[in-house]
Every structure is written in structure tokens, then in C-alpha cells.
N, C-alpha and C. Protein backbone atom coordinates (compact mmCIF):
# COMPACT_ATOMS: atom_id res chain seq x y z
N MET A 1 1.12 -1.23 0.03
CA MET A 1 0.19 -0.20 0.03
C MET A 1 0.86 1.18 -0.05
N GLN A 2 0.90 2.07 -1.02
CA GLN A 2 1.52 3.56 -0.89
C GLN A 2 0.67 4.36 0.04
N VAL A 3 1.84 5.03 0.84
CA VAL A 3 1.92 6.33 1.83
C VAL A 3 1.31 7.44 1.00
N GLU A 4 0.26 8.06 1.44
CA GLU A 4 0.04 9.20 1.21
C GLU A 4 0.40 10.45 2.12
N ARG A 5 0.76 10.04 3.24
CA ARG A 5 0.79 11.38 4.00
C ARG A 5 1.53 10.84 5.31
N LEU A 6 2.84 11.29 6.01
CA LEU A 6 2.88 10.76 7.61
C LEU A 6 2.65 12.08 8.43
N ASP A 7 2.13 11.85 9.41
CA ASP A 7 1.64 12.89 10.49
C ASP A 7 2.74 12.32 11.54
N GLU A 8 3.66 12.74 12.24
CA GLU A 8 4.22 12.24 13.25
C GLU A 8 3.54 12.72 14.60
N LYS A 9 3.25 11.80 15.21
CA LYS A 9 2.42 12.03 16.62
C LYS A 9 1.48 12.84 16.60
N PRO A 10 0.32 12.67 15.92
CA PRO A 10 -0.94 13.91 16.23
C PRO A 10 -1.41 14.12 17.11
N ALA A 11 -1.66 15.08 17.51
CA ALA A 11 -2.42 15.38 19.09
C ALA A 11 -3.45 14.46 18.69
N ALA A 12 -3.69 14.14 20.11
CA ALA A 12 -4.68 12.96 20.73
C ALA A 12 -6.07 13.31 19.98
N GLY A 13 -6.63 12.17 19.55
CA GLY A 13 -8.19 12.13 18.71
C GLY A 13 -8.29 12.86 17.38
N THR A 14 -6.68 13.64 16.82
CA THR A 14 -6.94 14.15 15.86
C THR A 14 -6.44 13.28 14.75
N ALA A 15 -5.71 11.81 14.77
CA ALA A 15 -5.30 11.02 13.66
C ALA A 15 -6.36 10.71 12.81
N LYS A 16 -6.02 10.99 11.62
CA LYS A 16 -7.25 10.59 10.79
C LYS A 16 -7.12 9.47 9.73
N THR A 17 -6.50 8.56 10.25
CA THR A 17 -6.04 7.23 9.67
C THR A 17 -6.44 6.26 10.90
N GLU A 18 -6.43 5.20 10.86
CA GLU A 18 -6.15 3.82 11.81
C GLU A 18 -4.83 3.11 11.85
N TRP A 19 -3.90 3.81 10.94
CA TRP A 19 -2.62 3.05 10.72
C TRP A 19 -1.56 4.01 11.63
N ASN A 20 -0.67 2.98 11.90
CA ASN A 20 0.30 3.87 12.83
C ASN A 20 1.87 3.24 12.35
N ASN A 21 2.79 4.55 12.56
CA ASN A 21 4.06 4.41 12.23
C ASN A 21 4.52 3.72 13.48
N ALA A 22 5.30 2.17 13.22
CA ALA A 22 6.06 1.34 14.25
C ALA A 22 7.47 1.77 14.37
N GLY A 23 7.73 2.84 13.18
CA GLY A 23 9.15 3.19 13.60
C GLY A 23 10.24 2.15 12.74
N LEU A 24 9.67 1.27 12.01
CA LEU A 24 10.41 0.24 11.58
C LEU A 24 10.43 0.56 10.14
N PHE A 25 11.53 0.98 9.53
CA PHE A 25 11.71 1.12 8.08
C PHE A 25 12.77 0.53 7.20
N ALA A 26 12.59 0.14 5.83
CA ALA A 26 13.90 -0.50 4.97
C ALA A 26 13.57 0.86 3.87
N ALA A 27 14.62 1.49 3.59
CA ALA A 27 14.62 2.41 2.65
C ALA A 27 16.22 2.26 2.08
N GLY A 28 16.25 3.06 0.36
CA GLY A 28 17.37 2.96 -0.28
C GLY A 28 18.00 4.08 0.03
N PRO A 29 19.28 4.13 -0.86
CA PRO A 29 19.97 5.13 -0.53
C PRO A 29 19.61 6.42 -0.58
N MET A 30 18.45 6.74 -1.51
CA MET A 30 17.62 8.18 -1.56
C MET A 30 17.73 8.81 -0.33
N LEU A 31 17.31 7.95 0.59
CA LEU A 31 17.18 8.39 1.96
C LEU A 31 18.24 9.41 2.54
N PHE A 32 19.11 9.27 2.31
CA PHE A 32 20.03 9.96 2.85
C PHE A 32 20.28 11.40 2.03
N ASP A 33 19.75 11.39 0.90
CA ASP A 33 19.91 12.86 0.13
C ASP A 33 18.65 13.86 1.31
N TYR A 34 17.46 12.71 1.75
CA TYR A 34 16.61 13.42 2.00
C TYR A 34 16.80 13.97 3.66
N LEU A 35 17.90 13.26 4.43
CA LEU A 35 18.08 13.14 5.49
C LEU A 35 19.14 14.66 5.55
N ALA A 36 19.96 14.51 4.72
CA ALA A 36 21.12 15.47 4.59
C ALA A 36 20.43 16.99 4.44
N LYS A 37 19.17 17.33 4.06
CA LYS A 37 18.46 18.60 3.73
C LYS A 37 17.72 18.77 5.25
N LEU A 38 17.71 18.21 6.33
CA LEU A 38 16.68 18.14 7.26
C LEU A 38 18.05 19.18 8.50
N GLU A 39 17.19 19.89 9.53
CA GLU A 39 17.82 20.73 10.35
C GLU A 39 17.67 19.14 11.46
N VAL A 40 18.49 19.64 12.62
CA VAL A 40 18.46 18.82 13.80
C VAL A 40 17.48 19.53 14.44
N SER A 41 16.23 18.40 14.87
CA SER A 41 15.41 18.52 15.56
C SER A 41 15.62 19.38 17.24
N PRO A 42 14.67 19.60 17.77
CA PRO A 42 14.77 19.82 19.20
C PRO A 42 15.57 19.04 19.97
N ARG A 43 15.25 17.78 19.66
CA ARG A 43 15.90 16.91 20.26
C ARG A 43 17.17 16.37 19.92
N GLY A 44 17.84 17.21 19.31
CA GLY A 44 19.16 17.11 18.80
C GLY A 44 19.37 15.62 17.83
N GLU A 45 18.42 15.14 17.18
CA GLU A 45 18.21 14.32 16.07
C GLU A 45 17.65 14.89 14.70
N LEU A 46 18.27 13.91 13.84
CA LEU A 46 17.56 13.88 12.55
C LEU A 46 16.32 13.01 12.36
N GLU A 47 15.25 13.75 12.11
CA GLU A 47 13.83 12.74 12.37
C GLU A 47 13.83 12.24 11.08
N LEU A 48 13.97 10.75 11.20
CA LEU A 48 13.77 10.06 10.21
C LEU A 48 11.96 10.21 9.66
N PRO A 49 11.26 10.40 10.57
CA PRO A 49 10.06 10.11 9.32
C PRO A 49 9.85 12.00 8.82
N SER A 50 10.53 12.91 9.20
CA SER A 50 10.44 14.32 8.48
C SER A 50 11.25 13.91 6.95
N ALA A 51 12.35 13.10 7.08
CA ALA A 51 12.63 12.66 5.82
C ALA A 51 11.91 11.85 4.94
N ILE A 52 11.22 11.20 5.51
CA ILE A 52 9.88 10.14 4.67
C ILE A 52 8.83 11.01 4.25
N ALA A 53 8.46 11.96 5.25
CA ALA A 53 7.39 12.84 4.86
C ALA A 53 7.93 13.84 3.59
N GLN A 54 9.02 14.20 3.71
CA GLN A 54 9.73 15.01 2.21
C GLN A 54 9.47 14.12 1.32
N MET A 55 10.11 12.81 1.45
CA MET A 55 10.29 12.14 0.23
C MET A 55 8.31 12.18 -0.46
N ILE A 56 7.52 12.02 0.14
CA ILE A 56 6.08 11.59 -0.04
C ILE A 56 5.45 13.02 -0.68
N ARG A 57 5.83 14.26 -0.14
CA ARG A 57 5.93 15.40 -0.89
C ARG A 57 6.56 15.55 -1.97
N GLY A 58 7.61 15.11 -2.19
CA GLY A 58 8.07 15.06 -3.63
C GLY A 58 7.82 13.96 -4.33
N ARG A 59 6.92 13.21 -4.08
CA ARG A 59 5.93 12.33 -4.88
C ARG A 59 7.25 11.22 -5.19
N ARG A 60 7.95 10.90 -4.24
CA ARG A 60 8.26 9.33 -4.51
C ARG A 60 7.47 8.40 -3.59
N VAL A 61 7.48 7.21 -4.53
CA VAL A 61 6.75 6.33 -3.95
C VAL A 61 7.46 6.00 -2.38
N VAL A 62 6.51 5.67 -1.51
CA VAL A 62 7.01 5.15 -0.30
C VAL A 62 5.61 4.42 -0.05
N ARG A 63 5.64 3.01 0.74
CA ARG A 63 5.07 1.97 0.96
C ARG A 63 4.88 1.54 2.22
N ALA A 64 3.94 1.29 2.55
CA ALA A 64 3.51 0.81 3.95
C ALA A 64 3.50 -0.90 3.75
N VAL A 65 3.65 -1.32 5.24
CA VAL A 65 3.17 -2.73 5.03
C VAL A 65 2.74 -3.21 6.52
N ASP A 66 1.24 -3.83 6.26
CA ASP A 66 0.50 -4.47 7.24
C ASP A 66 1.11 -5.42 8.44
N MET A 67 1.79 -5.03 9.76
CA MET A 67 1.91 -5.94 10.29
C MET A 67 1.27 -6.54 11.32
N ARG A 68 1.31 -7.45 12.21
CA ARG A 68 0.19 -7.65 12.71
C ARG A 68 1.24 -8.42 14.33
N GLY A 69 0.33 -8.16 15.17
CA GLY A 69 0.87 -8.96 16.19
C GLY A 69 1.48 -8.42 17.20
N PHE A 70 2.60 -8.53 18.10
CA PHE A 70 2.74 -7.85 19.49
C PHE A 70 3.67 -6.88 18.86
N TRP A 71 3.78 -5.78 19.32
CA TRP A 71 5.01 -4.48 19.09
C TRP A 71 4.96 -3.51 20.28
N SER A 72 5.89 -3.20 20.48
CA SER A 72 6.58 -2.16 21.52
C SER A 72 7.56 -1.45 21.61
N ASP A 73 7.10 -0.32 21.98
CA ASP A 73 8.26 0.68 22.00
C ASP A 73 9.42 0.31 23.15
N VAL A 74 10.41 0.69 22.92
CA VAL A 74 11.18 -0.14 24.42
C VAL A 74 12.11 1.24 24.45
N GLY A 75 11.71 2.56 24.24
CA GLY A 75 12.16 3.89 24.30
C GLY A 75 12.05 3.97 26.17
N THR A 76 11.51 3.16 26.82
CA THR A 76 11.52 3.52 28.70
C THR A 76 11.83 2.28 29.09
N ARG A 77 12.36 2.11 30.66
CA ARG A 77 12.23 0.86 31.40
C ARG A 77 11.40 0.20 31.49
N GLU A 78 10.20 0.80 31.54
CA GLU A 78 8.79 0.14 31.57
C GLU A 78 8.54 -0.67 30.53
N ASP A 79 8.42 0.08 29.13
CA ASP A 79 8.60 -0.37 27.96
C ASP A 79 9.22 -1.47 27.76
N LEU A 80 10.46 -1.44 28.07
CA LEU A 80 11.45 -2.29 27.80
C LEU A 80 11.03 -3.82 28.68
N GLU A 81 10.53 -3.55 29.99
CA GLU A 81 10.44 -4.53 30.81
C GLU A 81 8.88 -5.51 30.05
N VAL A 82 7.96 -4.78 29.65
CA VAL A 82 6.99 -5.14 29.01
C VAL A 82 7.38 -6.26 27.73
N ALA A 83 8.34 -5.85 27.17
CA ALA A 83 9.04 -6.59 25.99
C ALA A 83 9.48 -7.97 26.43
N ARG A 84 10.40 -7.36 27.43
CA ARG A 84 11.16 -8.58 28.22
C ARG A 84 10.14 -9.75 28.74
N ALA A 85 8.92 -9.02 29.22
CA ALA A 85 7.88 -10.01 29.76
C ALA A 85 7.16 -10.82 28.81
N PHE A 86 7.17 -10.24 27.32
CA PHE A 86 6.27 -10.68 26.35
C PHE A 86 6.82 -11.85 25.68
N PHE A 87 8.38 -11.72 25.77
CA PHE A 87 9.35 -12.68 25.03
C PHE A 87 10.04 -13.54 25.67
N LYS A 88 9.94 -13.53 27.25
CA LYS A 88 10.15 -14.50 28.25
C LYS A 88 9.97 -15.87 28.12
N PRO A 89 10.62 -16.75 28.14
CA PRO A 89 10.20 -18.29 27.55
C PRO A 89 9.13 -18.64 28.81
N LYS A 90 8.40 -19.35 28.48
CA LYS A 90 7.04 -19.51 28.96
C LYS A 90 7.36 -20.98 29.88
N ARG A 91 7.00 -21.09 30.80
CA ARG A 91 7.79 -22.54 31.45
C ARG A 91 6.45 -23.52 31.40
N LYS A 92 6.79 -24.91 31.39
CA LYS A 92 5.64 -25.81 31.62
C LYS A 92 5.77 -26.29 32.53
């Protein structure tokens, strides 16, 4: 499925789709051209979703893949523990 728009972290209740960016990307070398044009964000990073949004606006084909099953951010200690618990071997 082709991505028509990428809205990074819309305000609660304002999302215009049921699809979410899970932060998993596969890209070719062209992405680096778009990253090079970005300014560092307030977080001190080059924001990959911003580069992808620029690609979409530039009429580059960006595709999404429907992935189902467990997914968890591991950006906090609490999130990491949720993921660890999910993947912990089940004792018989």
C-alpha cells in the first residue's frame, strides 16, 4: 500500500487514519539525500519520519506494510520490561 501522508505524533484524537508508524523502516540510498536536507530537531536528532514525509511530498513512492502481532516501543525502562515479559520463555 502506498503512503500518501505521514503525520508524526498527531495530537490525541486528531489522527485521520487507523494506521500507525511503528518506527520500522527499510529504505534505499535516496533516503540519505533527504536526511541531509534536514535540520536537527529540538531533540538533537535528524528525524527519519520528517525525511520520509519530504519524500512523499516530493512524489517519491513510499509503501507501508501491514504488520500484525506484538509490538512495543522500548524507549523507556517500563516499555522494555513489557517486551522482556512478552518474549520470556514460558515455563511448562
